[in-house]
Amino acid sequence: MSKPVDAESLTLMTADGYPIAALRYPATGVTRGHLVVAGATGVPQGFYRRFAQYASSCGYNVMTLDYRGIGLSKPASLKGFRMDYLDWGRQDLAAAVEAMSVPGLPLYMVGHSYGGHAFGLLPNHDKVDALYTFATGAGWHGWMPPTERLRVLLMWRLVGPLIVRVKGYLAWNWMGMGEDLPIDVYRQWKRWCTFPRYFFEDPHMTHIAASYESVRSPIMACNALDDLWARPPSRNAFMSAYRNAGWQSTDIDPRQAGLGPIGHMGYFKAHCQPLWEGALGWLEQHGRMRPAALSR
């Protein structure tokens, strides 16, 4: 890989008027396409820097972003800050798609966990030629192995409520699990994780399935077998909502692949560069095969 490029800081304005902090990594050499990184819940955009630099060295203009309430897009205090968890996709990520959509060049998306959820929420998903997502699952504790199941239930039922009562938001960094989360993200996430198929089984969310059924872009969902939060059955439970996208899946055995531990967060660490190569190759191949991309 050539010398890493410097990222350009910019502010995206969402349709509902919220400023989103983003970084744009310019392509090195001939531009092959544009790429948006859709991050996981509570993970700041800096976590994806190595991947973004790698993709830019391969000829892609790459954009990362901090969703509202996270990283550089959070207010001075999360106490009293209100928002809708779905707006990370419907508003924030949608603004990134608009900013990176350029006639004549393909636009791809690489997701991580929530990033795979968010694609079906986008009002402009038709502008994205293909999605490759890592670690996307339904979030239900029943899909997890017994020890992790108990730990997650302890977080949802005891530790989380106590922290929220004291702080007014989920001070997730107290548990070493990521960025602090706005109270509405905590409440919605907690509720949806009680259902085996996440919000698709929430009686108050029956309308949401139609948005996912409208997706036609090719999708690949990649999950590591040592990812305790998003094992293949959990992935399948969520991704089946993209029933008209012809989505595919692949399972990674870290030991057989010689990659070392991956878990839920390791996909974007340096030792997983072979996964990045595979993702970019798949995106380029399947994005070109999409009829809608040829007509744009």
C-alpha atoms as a PDB file:
ATOM      1  CA  MET A   1       0.000   0.000   0.000  1.00  0.00           C
ATOM      2  CA  SER A   2       1.219   3.504  -0.821  1.00  0.00           C
ATOM      3  CA  LYS A   3       1.632   6.210   1.791  1.00  0.00           C
ATOM      4  CA  PRO A   4      -1.722   6.782   3.592  1.00  0.00           C
ATOM      5  CA  VAL A   5      -3.586   9.844   2.374  1.00  0.00           C
ATOM      6  CA  ASP A   6      -4.701  12.654   4.637  1.00  0.00           C
ATOM      7  CA  ALA A   7      -8.442  12.941   5.145  1.00  0.00           C
ATOM      8  CA  GLU A   8     -10.421  16.102   4.503  1.00  0.00           C
ATOM      9  CA  SER A   9     -12.796  17.169   7.275  1.00  0.00           C
ATOM     10  CA  LEU A  10     -16.241  18.333   6.244  1.00  0.00           C
ATOM     11  CA  THR A  11     -19.711  18.853   7.627  1.00  0.00           C
ATOM     12  CA  LEU A  12     -22.770  17.233   6.074  1.00  0.00           C
ATOM     13  CA  MET A  13     -26.167  18.821   6.601  1.00  0.00           C
ATOM     14  CA  THR A  14     -28.974  16.279   6.919  1.00  0.00           C
ATOM     15  CA  ALA A  15     -32.477  16.752   5.528  1.00  0.00           C
ATOM     16  CA  ASP A  16     -33.714  17.577   9.026  1.00  0.00           C
ATOM     17  CA  GLY A  17     -30.954  20.141   9.570  1.00  0.00           C
ATOM     18  CA  TYR A  18     -28.486  18.290  11.807  1.00  0.00           C
ATOM     19  CA  PRO A  19     -24.742  18.865  11.132  1.00  0.00           C
ATOM     20  CA  ILE A  20     -22.781  15.619  10.730  1.00  0.00           C
ATOM     21  CA  ALA A  21     -18.985  15.470  11.024  1.00  0.00           C
ATOM     22  CA  ALA A  22     -17.432  13.460   8.199  1.00  0.00           C
ATOM     23  CA  LEU A  23     -14.028  12.666   6.731  1.00  0.00           C
ATOM     24  CA  ARG A  24     -13.288  12.221   3.032  1.00  0.00           C
ATOM     25  CA  TYR A  25     -10.278  10.193   1.916  1.00  0.00           C
ATOM     26  CA  PRO A  26      -9.385  11.005  -1.730  1.00  0.00           C
ATOM     27  CA  ALA A  27      -8.582   8.212  -4.154  1.00  0.00           C
ATOM     28  CA  THR A  28      -4.991   7.553  -5.122  1.00  0.00           C
ATOM     29  CA  GLY A  29      -4.395   7.256  -8.849  1.00  0.00           C
ATOM     30  CA  VAL A  30      -7.271   6.492 -11.196  1.00  0.00           C
ATOM     31  CA  THR A  31     -10.621   6.754  -9.420  1.00  0.00           C
ATOM     32  CA  ARG A  32     -12.529   3.452  -9.538  1.00  0.00           C
ATOM     33  CA  GLY A  33     -15.554   4.581  -7.545  1.00  0.00           C
ATOM     34  CA  HIS A  34     -16.893   6.157  -4.401  1.00  0.00           C
ATOM     35  CA  LEU A  35     -17.417   4.359  -1.095  1.00  0.00           C
ATOM     36  CA  VAL A  36     -19.300   5.211   2.112  1.00  0.00           C
ATOM     37  CA  VAL A  37     -18.446   3.451   5.383  1.00  0.00           C
ATOM     38  CA  ALA A  38     -21.532   2.841   7.527  1.00  0.00           C
ATOM     39  CA  GLY A  39     -20.261   2.282  11.055  1.00  0.00           C
ATOM     40  CA  ALA A  40     -21.511   0.284  14.016  1.00  0.00           C
ATOM     41  CA  THR A  41     -23.437   1.527  17.040  1.00  0.00           C
ATOM     42  CA  GLY A  42     -21.259   3.547  19.397  1.00  0.00           C
ATOM     43  CA  VAL A  43     -18.171   3.338  17.167  1.00  0.00           C
ATOM     44  CA  PRO A  44     -16.563   6.646  16.111  1.00  0.00           C
ATOM     45  CA  GLN A  45     -15.429   7.077  12.526  1.00  0.00           C
ATOM     46  CA  GLY A  46     -11.754   7.098  13.480  1.00  0.00           C
ATOM     47  CA  PHE A  47     -12.029   3.356  14.091  1.00  0.00           C
ATOM     48  CA  TYR A  48     -12.387   2.853  10.331  1.00  0.00           C
ATOM     49  CA  ARG A  49      -9.390   4.996   9.376  1.00  0.00           C
ATOM     50  CA  ARG A  50      -7.093   2.131   8.331  1.00  0.00           C
ATOM     51  CA  PHE A  51      -9.744   0.594   6.115  1.00  0.00           C
ATOM     52  CA  ALA A  52     -10.599   3.979   4.585  1.00  0.00           C
ATOM     53  CA  GLN A  53      -6.931   4.653   3.825  1.00  0.00           C
ATOM     54  CA  TYR A  54      -6.539   1.209   2.293  1.00  0.00           C
ATOM     55  CA  ALA A  55      -9.611   1.667   0.072  1.00  0.00           C
ATOM     56  CA  SER A  56      -8.417   5.126  -0.992  1.00  0.00           C
ATOM     57  CA  SER A  57      -5.050   3.620  -1.974  1.00  0.00           C
ATOM     58  CA  CYS A  58      -7.000   1.212  -4.193  1.00  0.00           C
ATOM     59  CA  GLY A  59      -8.636   4.065  -6.125  1.00  0.00           C
ATOM     60  CA  TYR A  60     -11.784   4.794  -4.110  1.00  0.00           C
ATOM     61  CA  ASN A  61     -12.938   8.127  -2.729  1.00  0.00           C
ATOM     62  CA  VAL A  62     -14.025   7.125   0.769  1.00  0.00           C
ATOM     63  CA  MET A  63     -16.281   8.866   3.278  1.00  0.00           C
ATOM     64  CA  THR A  64     -16.640   8.040   6.963  1.00  0.00           C
ATOM     65  CA  LEU A  65     -18.959   9.827   9.369  1.00  0.00           C
ATOM     66  CA  ASP A  66     -20.019  10.137  12.989  1.00  0.00           C
ATOM     67  CA  TYR A  67     -23.741   9.650  13.457  1.00  0.00           C
ATOM     68  CA  ARG A  68     -25.593  12.288  15.487  1.00  0.00           C
ATOM     69  CA  GLY A  69     -24.852  11.949  19.209  1.00  0.00           C
ATOM     70  CA  ILE A  70     -21.566  10.103  18.504  1.00  0.00           C
ATOM     71  CA  GLY A  71     -17.943  11.233  18.171  1.00  0.00           C
ATOM     72  CA  LEU A  72     -17.566  14.645  16.552  1.00  0.00           C
ATOM     73  CA  SER A  73     -21.319  14.811  15.844  1.00  0.00           C
ATOM     74  CA  LYS A  74     -22.403  14.785  19.481  1.00  0.00           C
ATOM     75  CA  PRO A  75     -23.602  17.813  21.458  1.00  0.00           C
ATOM     76  CA  ALA A  76     -21.703  19.260  24.416  1.00  0.00           C
ATOM     77  CA  SER A  77     -23.736  16.985  26.705  1.00  0.00           C
ATOM     78  CA  LEU A  78     -25.832  13.919  25.942  1.00  0.00           C
ATOM     79  CA  LYS A  79     -28.024  14.580  28.951  1.00  0.00           C
ATOM     80  CA  GLY A  80     -31.367  15.752  27.582  1.00  0.00           C
ATOM     81  CA  PHE A  81     -30.338  15.050  23.969  1.00  0.00           C
ATOM     82  CA  ARG A  82     -33.220  13.370  22.117  1.00  0.00           C
ATOM     83  CA  MET A  83     -33.169  11.585  18.774  1.00  0.00           C
ATOM     84  CA  ASP A  84     -34.462   8.588  16.861  1.00  0.00           C
ATOM     85  CA  TYR A  85     -32.065   5.656  16.453  1.00  0.00           C
ATOM     86  CA  LEU A  86     -33.400   5.120  12.931  1.00  0.00           C
ATOM     87  CA  ASP A  87     -32.245   8.587  11.903  1.00  0.00           C
ATOM     88  CA  TRP A  88     -28.654   7.399  11.803  1.00  0.00           C
ATOM     89  CA  GLY A  89     -29.726   5.667   8.595  1.00  0.00           C
ATOM     90  CA  ARG A  90     -32.667   7.746   7.380  1.00  0.00           C
ATOM     91  CA  GLN A  91     -30.909  11.091   7.843  1.00  0.00           C
ATOM     92  CA  ASP A  92     -27.184  10.896   8.636  1.00  0.00           C
ATOM     93  CA  LEU A  93     -26.070   8.083   6.361  1.00  0.00           C
ATOM     94  CA  ALA A  94     -28.478   9.297   3.681  1.00  0.00           C
ATOM     95  CA  ALA A  95     -26.650  12.656   3.674  1.00  0.00           C
ATOM     96  CA  ALA A  96     -23.350  10.841   3.090  1.00  0.00           C
ATOM     97  CA  VAL A  97     -24.857   8.915   0.170  1.00  0.00           C
ATOM     98  CA  GLU A  98     -26.056  12.169  -1.384  1.00  0.00           C
ATOM     99  CA  ALA A  99     -22.638  13.761  -0.941  1.00  0.00           C
ATOM    100  CA  MET A 100     -20.815  10.830  -2.552  1.00  0.00           C
ATOM    101  CA  SER A 101     -23.230  10.109  -5.395  1.00  0.00           C
ATOM    102  CA  VAL A 102     -21.635  11.334  -8.630  1.00  0.00           C
ATOM    103  CA  PRO A 103     -22.928  10.555 -12.141  1.00  0.00           C
ATOM    104  CA  GLY A 104     -20.665   8.233 -14.084  1.00  0.00           C
ATOM    105  CA  LEU A 105     -18.973   6.617 -11.074  1.00  0.00           C
ATOM    106  CA  PRO A 106     -20.235   3.653  -9.038  1.00  0.00           C
ATOM    107  CA  LEU A 107     -21.096   4.201  -5.389  1.00  0.00           C
ATOM    108  CA  TYR A 108     -20.545   1.388  -2.913  1.00  0.00           C
ATOM    109  CA  MET A 109     -21.129   0.976   0.809  1.00  0.00           C
ATOM    110  CA  VAL A 110     -19.255  -1.048   3.410  1.00  0.00           C
ATOM    111  CA  GLY A 111     -21.204  -1.604   6.606  1.00  0.00           C
ATOM    112  CA  HIS A 112     -20.324  -2.752  10.104  1.00  0.00           C
ATOM    113  CA  SER A 113     -23.048  -4.193  12.349  1.00  0.00           C
ATOM    114  CA  TYR A 114     -25.615  -1.335  12.435  1.00  0.00           C
ATOM    115  CA  GLY A 115     -24.349  -0.329   8.997  1.00  0.00           C
ATOM    116  CA  GLY A 116     -26.062  -3.418   7.595  1.00  0.00           C
ATOM    117  CA  HIS A 117     -29.260  -2.424   9.390  1.00  0.00           C
ATOM    118  CA  ALA A 118     -29.064   1.135   8.120  1.00  0.00           C
ATOM    119  CA  PHE A 119     -29.004   0.284   4.422  1.00  0.00           C
ATOM    120  CA  GLY A 120     -32.680  -0.650   4.407  1.00  0.00           C
ATOM    121  CA  LEU A 121     -33.532   2.618   6.157  1.00  0.00           C
ATOM    122  CA  LEU A 122     -31.982   4.811   3.466  1.00  0.00           C
ATOM    123  CA  PRO A 123     -34.485   6.818   1.419  1.00  0.00           C
ATOM    124  CA  ASN A 124     -31.813   6.895  -1.335  1.00  0.00           C
ATOM    125  CA  HIS A 125     -30.496   3.321  -1.216  1.00  0.00           C
ATOM    126  CA  ASP A 126     -31.123   3.083  -4.959  1.00  0.00           C
ATOM    127  CA  LYS A 127     -28.073   5.324  -5.482  1.00  0.00           C
ATOM    128  CA  VAL A 128     -25.795   2.665  -3.964  1.00  0.00           C
ATOM    129  CA  ASP A 129     -24.662   0.013  -6.425  1.00  0.00           C
ATOM    130  CA  ALA A 130     -23.758  -2.658  -3.861  1.00  0.00           C
ATOM    131  CA  LEU A 131     -23.353  -3.196  -0.108  1.00  0.00           C
ATOM    132  CA  TYR A 132     -20.792  -5.369   1.689  1.00  0.00           C
ATOM    133  CA  THR A 133     -21.481  -5.598   5.405  1.00  0.00           C
ATOM    134  CA  PHE A 134     -19.511  -7.156   8.243  1.00  0.00           C
ATOM    135  CA  ALA A 135     -20.942  -8.388  11.564  1.00  0.00           C
ATOM    136  CA  THR A 136     -24.596  -7.563  10.904  1.00  0.00           C
ATOM    137  CA  GLY A 137     -27.011  -9.543  13.068  1.00  0.00           C
ATOM    138  CA  ALA A 138     -30.392  -9.329  14.763  1.00  0.00           C
ATOM    139  CA  GLY A 139     -29.051  -8.490  18.244  1.00  0.00           C
ATOM    140  CA  TRP A 140     -31.253 -10.965  20.135  1.00  0.00           C
ATOM    141  CA  HIS A 141     -29.483 -12.580  23.080  1.00  0.00           C
ATOM    142  CA  GLY A 142     -30.927 -15.961  22.130  1.00  0.00           C
ATOM    143  CA  TRP A 143     -28.641 -16.119  19.089  1.00  0.00           C
ATOM    144  CA  MET A 144     -25.575 -15.784  21.325  1.00  0.00           C
ATOM    145  CA  PRO A 145     -23.664 -18.530  23.182  1.00  0.00           C
ATOM    146  CA  PRO A 146     -24.736 -19.016  26.840  1.00  0.00           C
ATOM    147  CA  THR A 147     -21.963 -17.024  28.534  1.00  0.00           C
ATOM    148  CA  GLU A 148     -22.322 -14.027  26.225  1.00  0.00           C
ATOM    149  CA  ARG A 149     -26.113 -14.271  26.534  1.00  0.00           C
ATOM    150  CA  LEU A 150     -25.893 -13.877  30.315  1.00  0.00           C
ATOM    151  CA  ARG A 151     -23.483 -10.953  30.009  1.00  0.00           C
ATOM    152  CA  VAL A 152     -25.750  -9.144  27.549  1.00  0.00           C
ATOM    153  CA  LEU A 153     -28.854  -9.733  29.668  1.00  0.00           C
ATOM    154  CA  LEU A 154     -26.987  -8.342  32.686  1.00  0.00           C
ATOM    155  CA  MET A 155     -26.169  -5.228  30.660  1.00  0.00           C
ATOM    156  CA  TRP A 156     -29.750  -4.717  29.454  1.00  0.00           C
ATOM    157  CA  ARG A 157     -31.539  -5.535  32.700  1.00  0.00           C
ATOM    158  CA  LEU A 158     -29.248  -4.290  35.452  1.00  0.00           C
ATOM    159  CA  VAL A 159     -26.118  -2.348  34.538  1.00  0.00           C
ATOM    160  CA  GLY A 160     -27.571  -0.282  31.702  1.00  0.00           C
ATOM    161  CA  PRO A 161     -30.685   0.898  33.569  1.00  0.00           C
ATOM    162  CA  LEU A 162     -28.578   1.891  36.591  1.00  0.00           C
ATOM    163  CA  ILE A 163     -26.161   3.930  34.482  1.00  0.00           C
ATOM    164  CA  VAL A 164     -28.985   5.608  32.545  1.00  0.00           C
ATOM    165  CA  ARG A 165     -30.731   6.517  35.790  1.00  0.00           C
ATOM    166  CA  VAL A 166     -27.577   8.215  37.072  1.00  0.00           C
ATOM    167  CA  LYS A 167     -26.316   9.865  33.876  1.00  0.00           C
ATOM    168  CA  GLY A 168     -29.420  10.409  31.735  1.00  0.00           C
ATOM    169  CA  TYR A 169     -27.833   8.482  28.861  1.00  0.00           C
ATOM    170  CA  LEU A 170     -25.942   5.204  28.434  1.00  0.00           C
ATOM    171  CA  ALA A 171     -22.374   5.954  29.534  1.00  0.00           C
ATOM    172  CA  TRP A 172     -21.157   2.948  27.574  1.00  0.00           C
ATOM    173  CA  ASN A 173     -17.507   3.868  28.003  1.00  0.00           C
ATOM    174  CA  TRP A 174     -17.867   3.044  31.710  1.00  0.00           C
ATOM    175  CA  MET A 175     -18.108  -0.566  30.539  1.00  0.00           C
ATOM    176  CA  GLY A 176     -15.336  -0.181  27.971  1.00  0.00           C
ATOM    177  CA  MET A 177     -17.752  -0.950  25.132  1.00  0.00           C
ATOM    178  CA  GLY A 178     -17.570   2.172  22.974  1.00  0.00           C
ATOM    179  CA  GLU A 179     -18.908   5.716  22.774  1.00  0.00           C
ATOM    180  CA  ASP A 180     -21.607   6.919  25.144  1.00  0.00           C
ATOM    181  CA  LEU A 181     -25.064   6.505  23.612  1.00  0.00           C
ATOM    182  CA  PRO A 182     -28.034   8.904  23.634  1.00  0.00           C
ATOM    183  CA  ILE A 183     -30.881   7.690  25.820  1.00  0.00           C
ATOM    184  CA  ASP A 184     -33.212   7.117  22.872  1.00  0.00           C
ATOM    185  CA  VAL A 185     -30.657   4.897  21.131  1.00  0.00           C
ATOM    186  CA  TYR A 186     -30.336   2.883  24.343  1.00  0.00           C
ATOM    187  CA  ARG A 187     -34.092   2.508  24.801  1.00  0.00           C
ATOM    188  CA  GLN A 188     -34.870   1.568  21.189  1.00  0.00           C
ATOM    189  CA  TRP A 189     -31.917  -0.788  20.886  1.00  0.00           C
ATOM    190  CA  LYS A 190     -32.794  -2.515  24.148  1.00  0.00           C
ATOM    191  CA  ARG A 191     -36.402  -3.027  23.061  1.00  0.00           C
ATOM    192  CA  TRP A 192     -35.583  -4.344  19.591  1.00  0.00           C
ATOM    193  CA  CYS A 193     -33.003  -6.786  20.950  1.00  0.00           C
ATOM    194  CA  THR A 194     -35.801  -8.597  22.804  1.00  0.00           C
ATOM    195  CA  PHE A 195     -37.093  -9.891  19.455  1.00  0.00           C
ATOM    196  CA  PRO A 196     -35.402 -12.738  17.488  1.00  0.00           C
ATOM    197  CA  ARG A 197     -35.719 -10.732  14.250  1.00  0.00           C
ATOM    198  CA  TYR A 198     -35.042  -7.351  15.825  1.00  0.00           C
ATOM    199  CA  PHE A 199     -37.463  -4.532  14.952  1.00  0.00           C
ATOM    200  CA  PHE A 200     -39.192  -6.581  12.273  1.00  0.00           C
ATOM    201  CA  GLU A 201     -41.039  -8.374  15.087  1.00  0.00           C
ATOM    202  CA  ASP A 202     -41.848  -5.239  17.087  1.00  0.00           C
ATOM    203  CA  PRO A 203     -45.659  -4.749  16.879  1.00  0.00           C
ATOM    204  CA  HIS A 204     -45.078  -0.991  16.648  1.00  0.00           C
ATOM    205  CA  MET A 205     -42.728  -1.343  13.653  1.00  0.00           C
ATOM    206  CA  THR A 206     -44.746  -3.392  11.170  1.00  0.00           C
ATOM    207  CA  HIS A 207     -44.366  -0.652   8.560  1.00  0.00           C
ATOM    208  CA  ILE A 208     -40.573  -0.976   8.391  1.00  0.00           C
ATOM    209  CA  ALA A 209     -40.459  -4.221   6.394  1.00  0.00           C
ATOM    210  CA  ALA A 210     -41.555  -2.439   3.205  1.00  0.00           C
ATOM    211  CA  SER A 211     -38.423  -0.282   3.202  1.00  0.00           C
ATOM    212  CA  TYR A 212     -36.198  -3.367   3.222  1.00  0.00           C
ATOM    213  CA  GLU A 213     -38.266  -5.154   0.610  1.00  0.00           C
ATOM    214  CA  SER A 214     -37.700  -2.212  -1.743  1.00  0.00           C
ATOM    215  CA  VAL A 215     -33.920  -2.759  -1.793  1.00  0.00           C
ATOM    216  CA  ARG A 216     -32.611  -4.233  -5.043  1.00  0.00           C
ATOM    217  CA  SER A 217     -28.868  -3.567  -4.711  1.00  0.00           C
ATOM    218  CA  PRO A 218     -26.624  -6.649  -4.390  1.00  0.00           C
ATOM    219  CA  ILE A 219     -25.612  -7.387  -0.789  1.00  0.00           C
ATOM    220  CA  MET A 220     -22.953  -9.584   0.789  1.00  0.00           C
ATOM    221  CA  ALA A 221     -23.094 -10.203   4.551  1.00  0.00           C
ATOM    222  CA  CYS A 222     -19.824 -11.467   6.038  1.00  0.00           C
ATOM    223  CA  ASN A 223     -19.686 -12.841   9.591  1.00  0.00           C
ATOM    224  CA  ALA A 224     -16.815 -14.356  11.560  1.00  0.00           C
ATOM    225  CA  LEU A 225     -17.550 -17.569  13.412  1.00  0.00           C
ATOM    226  CA  ASP A 226     -15.975 -16.146  16.599  1.00  0.00           C
ATOM    227  CA  ASP A 227     -18.280 -13.093  16.521  1.00  0.00           C
ATOM    228  CA  LEU A 228     -20.401 -13.740  19.608  1.00  0.00           C
ATOM    229  CA  TRP A 229     -22.846 -10.911  18.874  1.00  0.00           C
ATOM    230  CA  ALA A 230     -23.566 -11.677  15.225  1.00  0.00           C
ATOM    231  CA  ARG A 231     -23.285 -15.368  14.490  1.00  0.00           C
ATOM    232  CA  PRO A 232     -24.615 -16.701  11.155  1.00  0.00           C
ATOM    233  CA  PRO A 233     -28.120 -17.566  12.501  1.00  0.00           C
ATOM    234  CA  SER A 234     -28.440 -14.033  13.876  1.00  0.00           C
ATOM    235  CA  ARG A 235     -27.285 -12.587  10.564  1.00  0.00           C
ATOM    236  CA  ASN A 236     -29.761 -14.684   8.620  1.00  0.00           C
ATOM    237  CA  ALA A 237     -32.610 -13.630  10.908  1.00  0.00           C
ATOM    238  CA  PHE A 238     -32.013  -9.969  10.053  1.00  0.00           C
ATOM    239  CA  MET A 239     -30.777 -10.131   6.476  1.00  0.00           C
ATOM    240  CA  SER A 240     -33.778 -12.168   5.320  1.00  0.00           C
ATOM    241  CA  ALA A 241     -35.672  -8.858   5.329  1.00  0.00           C
ATOM    242  CA  TYR A 242     -33.696  -7.897   2.191  1.00  0.00           C
ATOM    243  CA  ARG A 243     -35.642 -10.559   0.358  1.00  0.00           C
ATOM    244  CA  ASN A 244     -35.685  -8.793  -3.026  1.00  0.00           C
ATOM    245  CA  ALA A 245     -31.985  -7.906  -3.024  1.00  0.00           C
ATOM    246  CA  GLY A 246     -30.738 -11.427  -3.706  1.00  0.00           C
ATOM    247  CA  TRP A 247     -28.397 -11.081  -0.725  1.00  0.00           C
ATOM    248  CA  GLN A 248     -25.540 -13.495  -0.176  1.00  0.00           C
ATOM    249  CA  SER A 249     -23.575 -14.514   2.894  1.00  0.00           C
ATOM    250  CA  THR A 250     -20.132 -15.777   3.745  1.00  0.00           C
ATOM    251  CA  ASP A 251     -18.788 -17.203   7.009  1.00  0.00           C
ATOM    252  CA  ILE A 252     -15.177 -16.654   8.061  1.00  0.00           C
ATOM    253  CA  ASP A 253     -13.365 -19.136  10.279  1.00  0.00           C
ATOM    254  CA  PRO A 254     -10.528 -16.944  11.618  1.00  0.00           C
ATOM    255  CA  ARG A 255      -8.288 -19.912  12.401  1.00  0.00           C
ATOM    256  CA  GLN A 256      -8.603 -21.526   9.003  1.00  0.00           C
ATOM    257  CA  ALA A 257      -8.149 -18.149   7.322  1.00  0.00           C
ATOM    258  CA  GLY A 258      -5.028 -17.465   9.384  1.00  0.00           C
ATOM    259  CA  LEU A 259      -6.359 -14.101  10.534  1.00  0.00           C
ATOM    260  CA  GLY A 260      -6.333 -14.475  14.306  1.00  0.00           C
ATOM    261  CA  PRO A 261      -9.292 -13.476  16.503  1.00  0.00           C
ATOM    262  CA  ILE A 262     -11.925 -11.248  14.883  1.00  0.00           C
ATOM    263  CA  GLY A 263     -14.928 -11.177  17.231  1.00  0.00           C
ATOM    264  CA  HIS A 264     -17.405  -8.367  16.633  1.00  0.00           C
ATOM    265  CA  MET A 265     -14.888  -5.551  16.225  1.00  0.00           C
ATOM    266  CA  GLY A 266     -11.821  -7.061  14.573  1.00  0.00           C
ATOM    267  CA  TYR A 267     -12.985  -6.867  10.950  1.00  0.00           C
ATOM    268  CA  PHE A 268     -11.501  -3.385  10.564  1.00  0.00           C
ATOM    269  CA  LYS A 269      -8.195  -4.010  12.308  1.00  0.00           C
ATOM    270  CA  ALA A 270      -5.016  -4.232  10.277  1.00  0.00           C
ATOM    271  CA  HIS A 271      -4.668  -8.015  10.451  1.00  0.00           C
ATOM    272  CA  CYS A 272      -7.962  -8.373   8.562  1.00  0.00           C
ATOM    273  CA  GLN A 273      -6.736  -6.633   5.407  1.00  0.00           C
ATOM    274  CA  PRO A 274      -7.414  -9.801   3.372  1.00  0.00           C
ATOM    275  CA  LEU A 275     -11.103  -9.313   4.187  1.00  0.00           C
ATOM    276  CA  TRP A 276     -10.917  -5.753   2.866  1.00  0.00           C
ATOM    277  CA  GLU A 277      -9.429  -6.975  -0.391  1.00  0.00           C
ATOM    278  CA  GLY A 278     -12.239  -9.481  -0.774  1.00  0.00           C
ATOM    279  CA  ALA A 279     -14.899  -6.900   0.016  1.00  0.00           C
ATOM    280  CA  LEU A 280     -13.646  -4.363  -2.528  1.00  0.00           C
ATOM    281  CA  GLY A 281     -13.294  -7.036  -5.182  1.00  0.00           C
ATOM    282  CA  TRP A 282     -16.832  -8.275  -4.589  1.00  0.00           C
ATOM    283  CA  LEU A 283     -18.260  -4.752  -4.655  1.00  0.00           C
ATOM    284  CA  GLU A 284     -16.611  -3.896  -7.949  1.00  0.00           C
ATOM    285  CA  GLN A 285     -17.756  -7.117  -9.571  1.00  0.00           C
ATOM    286  CA  HIS A 286     -21.348  -7.033  -8.365  1.00  0.00           C
ATOM    287  CA  GLY A 287     -21.819  -3.306  -8.679  1.00  0.00           C
ATOM    288  CA  ARG A 288     -21.016  -3.550 -12.373  1.00  0.00           C
ATOM    289  CA  MET A 289     -23.503  -6.388 -12.763  1.00  0.00           C
ATOM    290  CA  ARG A 290     -26.369  -4.334 -11.400  1.00  0.00           C
ATOM    291  CA  PRO A 291     -28.677  -3.154 -14.240  1.00  0.00           C
ATOM    292  CA  ALA A 292     -29.532   0.101 -12.456  1.00  0.00           C
ATOM    293  CA  ALA A 293     -25.839   1.032 -12.333  1.00  0.00           C
ATOM    294  CA  LEU A 294     -25.544   0.707 -16.108  1.00  0.00           C
ATOM    295  CA  SER A 295     -28.421   3.092 -16.726  1.00  0.00           C
ATOM    296  CA  ARG A 296     -27.247   5.873 -14.468  1.00  0.00           C
END
